Amino acid sequence: SISYRVTEESMMDRLKIDIDASCLEIEKECRVLTIHGSVDEMIPVEDSTEFDKIIPNHKLHIVEGADHDYTSHQAELASIVLEFIKASLEQDKAASI
């Protein structure tokens, strides 16, 4: 298992980030996947829908019934990520032909 320790310093660093400005810096060629649980109580789903509006090459997937930790949705989460990677590889392969 992976553990991540949240410290006061890490939280303050996170709060300093201008997410909208950071999203606008993402290059158009960069594929971005956002996966969000529909019942996430830590981060509003609306944050992800806003990302979807401003990130050029963005795919948004809302996992119905999933919370912030994807409790009981781990297999679905892995499947979504795997499909995104496969589709990206196929796009790269088609573009190189």
Protein backbone atom coordinates (compact mmCIF):
# COMPACT_ATOMS: atom_id res chain seq x y z
CA SER A 1 0.00 0.00 0.00
CA ILE A 2 1.07 3.55 -0.65
CA SER A 3 0.89 6.08 2.12
CA TYR A 4 1.05 9.82 1.80
CA ARG A 5 1.49 12.04 4.79
CA VAL A 6 -0.40 15.31 4.65
CA THR A 7 1.48 18.02 6.47
CA GLU A 8 0.63 21.63 7.14
CA GLU A 9 3.37 22.60 4.69
CA SER A 10 1.99 20.34 1.94
CA MET A 11 -1.51 21.75 2.47
CA MET A 12 -0.26 25.33 2.30
CA ASP A 13 1.69 24.53 -0.89
CA ARG A 14 -1.47 23.02 -2.40
CA LEU A 15 -3.56 26.06 -1.52
CA LYS A 16 -1.08 28.37 -3.29
CA ILE A 17 -1.58 26.65 -6.65
CA ASP A 18 -3.75 28.50 -9.16
CA ILE A 19 -5.49 25.49 -10.68
CA ASP A 20 -7.15 27.42 -13.52
CA ALA A 21 -3.84 28.97 -14.58
CA SER A 22 -2.11 25.60 -14.33
CA CYS A 23 -4.77 23.99 -16.54
CA LEU A 24 -4.29 26.68 -19.17
CA GLU A 25 -0.57 25.81 -19.33
CA ILE A 26 -1.26 22.23 -20.42
CA GLU A 27 -0.27 21.79 -24.07
CA LYS A 28 -3.05 20.91 -26.52
CA GLU A 29 -1.26 17.68 -27.50
CA CYS A 30 -1.19 16.45 -23.91
CA ARG A 31 -3.98 13.96 -23.21
CA VAL A 32 -5.51 14.41 -19.77
CA LEU A 33 -7.81 12.01 -17.95
CA THR A 34 -9.80 13.14 -14.94
CA ILE A 35 -11.72 10.53 -12.98
CA HIS A 36 -14.06 11.76 -10.28
CA GLY A 37 -16.42 9.99 -7.92
CA SER A 38 -19.99 11.24 -8.06
CA VAL A 39 -20.28 11.20 -4.25
CA ASP A 40 -16.82 12.65 -3.49
CA GLU A 41 -17.25 14.78 -0.37
CA MET A 42 -13.69 16.18 -0.40
CA ILE A 43 -13.55 17.72 -3.88
CA PRO A 44 -16.72 18.85 -5.67
CA VAL A 45 -17.54 17.14 -8.97
CA GLU A 46 -17.95 20.65 -10.39
CA ASP A 47 -14.16 21.10 -10.17
CA SER A 48 -13.76 18.28 -12.70
CA THR A 49 -16.46 19.63 -14.98
CA GLU A 50 -14.66 22.99 -14.96
CA PHE A 51 -11.40 21.23 -15.91
CA ASP A 52 -13.28 19.62 -18.77
CA LYS A 53 -14.18 23.07 -20.08
CA ILE A 54 -10.66 24.52 -20.05
CA ILE A 55 -8.26 21.62 -20.71
CA PRO A 56 -8.05 21.12 -24.50
CA ASN A 57 -7.43 17.36 -24.84
CA HIS A 58 -9.38 16.26 -21.78
CA LYS A 59 -11.45 13.18 -21.02
CA LEU A 60 -13.70 13.32 -17.98
CA HIS A 61 -15.11 10.16 -16.43
CA ILE A 62 -17.51 10.37 -13.48
CA VAL A 63 -17.70 7.12 -11.51
CA GLU A 64 -21.27 6.85 -10.24
CA GLY A 65 -21.45 6.13 -6.52
CA ALA A 66 -17.70 6.48 -5.94
CA ASP A 67 -16.33 8.51 -3.07
CA HIS A 68 -12.95 10.28 -2.89
CA ASP A 69 -11.11 7.01 -2.19
CA TYR A 70 -13.09 5.01 -4.78
CA THR A 71 -14.14 2.63 -2.02
CA SER A 72 -15.81 -0.37 -3.69
CA HIS A 73 -14.87 1.03 -7.12
CA GLN A 74 -11.19 0.05 -7.40
CA ALA A 75 -11.69 -2.35 -10.32
CA GLU A 76 -13.73 0.22 -12.25
CA LEU A 77 -11.08 2.87 -11.60
CA ALA A 78 -8.31 0.58 -12.89
CA SER A 79 -10.38 -0.31 -15.95
CA ILE A 80 -10.96 3.36 -16.84
CA VAL A 81 -7.25 4.14 -16.56
CA LEU A 82 -6.29 1.08 -18.60
CA GLU A 83 -8.76 1.94 -21.37
CA PHE A 84 -7.45 5.52 -21.48
CA ILE A 85 -3.87 4.28 -21.84
CA LYS A 86 -4.84 1.77 -24.54
CA ALA A 87 -6.75 4.43 -26.50
CA SER A 88 -3.82 6.83 -26.22
CA LEU A 89 -1.40 4.21 -27.49
CA GLU A 90 -3.70 3.43 -30.42
CA GLN A 91 -3.97 7.14 -31.28
CA ASP A 92 -0.18 7.44 -31.21
CA LYS A 93 0.18 4.35 -33.40
CA ALA A 94 -2.37 5.65 -35.93
CA ALA A 95 -0.69 9.06 -36.01
CA SER A 96 2.70 7.51 -36.80
CA ILE A 97 1.42 5.60 -39.85
